[in-house]
Amino acid sequence: MIRLTLTLHPAVWLTANQRLHWSTRMRRTRMLRALAASEARITGAAGKRLGASTVTAVIGYPTPAVKAIIDGLVDARVWDDDDHRHIPSVAFTRDPNKSPKGTHTVTLIIQEQETR
């Protein structure tokens, strides 16, 4: 099991309800991907090349930020791809704890599934 926690500044946060210019959304996505890949390298998750995994995002609500973070973990070679064979399940659960004031916290819990 890999547990990865990212504390994000509001300047990189993405939600489905934001009406951002395409270039702003692209810049935030790029920053989230780079942050996730960097964090994976720091925690030793990079290069693991996991098989099929269940990902649980502990966060207030589903958000496009999680997609960008998962893409960053693919960049770090945690998985070969983020398709249905490598990540068949992504679940969102509410974090019972509040994020530090002025930030957003995303915790990914990655559990590799047993292959038959």
Protein backbone atom coordinates (compact mmCIF):
# COMPACT_ATOMS: atom_id res chain seq x y z
CA MET A 1 0.00 0.00 0.00
CA ILE A 2 1.22 3.47 -0.90
CA ARG A 3 -0.13 6.52 0.93
CA LEU A 4 0.60 9.85 -0.72
CA THR A 5 -0.55 13.14 0.83
CA LEU A 6 -0.34 16.42 -1.05
CA THR A 7 -1.11 19.80 0.50
CA LEU A 8 -2.06 22.16 -2.29
CA HIS A 9 -2.15 25.93 -2.50
CA PRO A 10 -5.42 27.37 -3.87
CA ALA A 11 -3.48 28.71 -6.88
CA VAL A 12 -3.12 25.15 -8.25
CA TRP A 13 -6.49 23.78 -7.12
CA LEU A 14 -8.90 22.56 -9.83
CA THR A 15 -12.62 21.90 -9.53
CA ALA A 16 -15.31 21.10 -12.07
CA ASN A 17 -17.19 24.29 -11.15
CA GLN A 18 -14.33 26.70 -11.84
CA ARG A 19 -14.67 28.77 -14.99
CA LEU A 20 -10.99 29.16 -15.79
CA HIS A 21 -9.38 30.27 -19.01
CA TRP A 22 -7.97 27.24 -20.85
CA SER A 23 -4.38 28.42 -20.37
CA THR A 24 -4.87 28.81 -16.60
CA ARG A 25 -6.40 25.32 -16.36
CA MET A 26 -3.50 23.91 -18.42
CA ARG A 27 -0.90 25.62 -16.21
CA ARG A 28 -2.53 24.31 -13.01
CA THR A 29 -2.76 20.80 -14.46
CA ARG A 30 0.92 20.88 -15.41
CA MET A 31 1.89 22.05 -11.90
CA LEU A 32 -0.22 19.34 -10.23
CA ARG A 33 1.31 16.64 -12.44
CA ALA A 34 4.83 17.82 -11.66
CA LEU A 35 4.09 18.04 -7.92
CA ALA A 36 2.65 14.51 -7.85
CA ALA A 37 5.59 13.07 -9.82
CA SER A 38 8.04 14.83 -7.49
CA GLU A 39 6.24 13.55 -4.39
CA ALA A 40 6.25 10.01 -5.80
CA ARG A 41 10.02 10.22 -6.26
CA ILE A 42 10.51 11.56 -2.73
CA THR A 43 8.39 8.82 -1.14
CA GLY A 44 9.93 6.04 -3.21
CA ALA A 45 6.76 5.22 -5.13
CA ALA A 46 8.28 6.25 -8.46
CA GLY A 47 9.27 3.40 -10.72
CA LYS A 48 7.19 0.81 -8.83
CA ARG A 49 5.22 -0.16 -11.96
CA LEU A 50 2.26 -1.43 -10.02
CA GLY A 51 -0.25 -3.80 -11.52
CA ALA A 52 -3.98 -3.20 -11.29
CA SER A 53 -4.55 -0.90 -8.33
CA THR A 54 -7.45 0.54 -6.40
CA VAL A 55 -7.01 4.23 -5.68
CA THR A 56 -8.92 5.90 -2.86
CA ALA A 57 -8.78 9.68 -2.82
CA VAL A 58 -9.45 11.05 0.65
CA ILE A 59 -10.74 14.51 -0.14
CA GLY A 60 -13.80 16.66 0.33
CA TYR A 61 -15.29 15.83 -3.06
CA PRO A 62 -14.27 14.47 -6.49
CA THR A 63 -12.20 16.98 -8.39
CA PRO A 64 -10.22 17.27 -11.64
CA ALA A 65 -7.17 17.88 -9.44
CA VAL A 66 -7.13 14.15 -8.63
CA LYS A 67 -6.99 13.28 -12.35
CA ALA A 68 -3.97 15.56 -12.77
CA ILE A 69 -2.31 13.98 -9.71
CA ILE A 70 -2.89 10.46 -11.08
CA ASP A 71 -1.40 11.59 -14.41
CA GLY A 72 1.66 12.84 -12.51
CA LEU A 73 2.03 9.42 -10.89
CA VAL A 74 1.93 7.84 -14.36
CA ASP A 75 4.68 10.31 -15.35
CA ALA A 76 6.69 9.01 -12.37
CA ARG A 77 6.13 5.42 -13.63
CA VAL A 78 4.03 4.27 -10.68
CA TRP A 79 1.86 2.70 -13.40
CA ASP A 80 2.50 2.22 -17.10
CA ASP A 81 -0.80 3.93 -17.92
CA ASP A 82 -3.94 5.22 -16.19
CA ASP A 83 -6.36 3.10 -18.20
CA HIS A 84 -8.94 0.65 -16.83
CA ARG A 85 -6.43 -2.23 -16.73
CA HIS A 86 -4.01 -0.39 -14.45
CA ILE A 87 -6.49 1.62 -12.38
CA PRO A 88 -9.85 -0.14 -12.50
CA SER A 89 -11.22 1.71 -9.47
CA VAL A 90 -10.96 5.23 -8.09
CA ALA A 91 -13.06 5.96 -5.02
CA PHE A 92 -13.55 9.23 -3.20
CA THR A 93 -14.08 9.43 0.55
CA ARG A 94 -14.53 12.49 2.69
CA ASP A 95 -11.57 13.45 4.83
CA PRO A 96 -12.74 13.77 8.45
CA ASN A 97 -9.97 16.28 9.15
CA LYS A 98 -9.88 19.85 7.92
CA SER A 99 -7.04 21.01 5.71
CA PRO A 100 -4.77 23.69 7.11
CA LYS A 101 -6.29 27.14 6.55
CA GLY A 102 -5.83 28.35 2.98
CA THR A 103 -4.89 24.93 1.54
CA HIS A 104 -6.46 21.80 0.09
CA THR A 105 -5.27 18.34 1.09
CA VAL A 106 -5.50 15.28 -1.15
CA THR A 107 -4.48 11.87 0.20
CA LEU A 108 -4.22 8.97 -2.25
CA ILE A 109 -4.27 5.47 -0.85
CA ILE A 110 -3.04 3.07 -3.53
CA GLN A 111 -3.57 -0.63 -3.02
CA GLU A 112 -2.34 -3.09 -5.60
CA GLN A 113 -4.93 -5.71 -6.41
CA GLU A 114 -4.11 -9.39 -6.42
CA THR A 115 -3.94 -10.88 -9.89
CA ARG A 116 -5.57 -14.20 -10.56
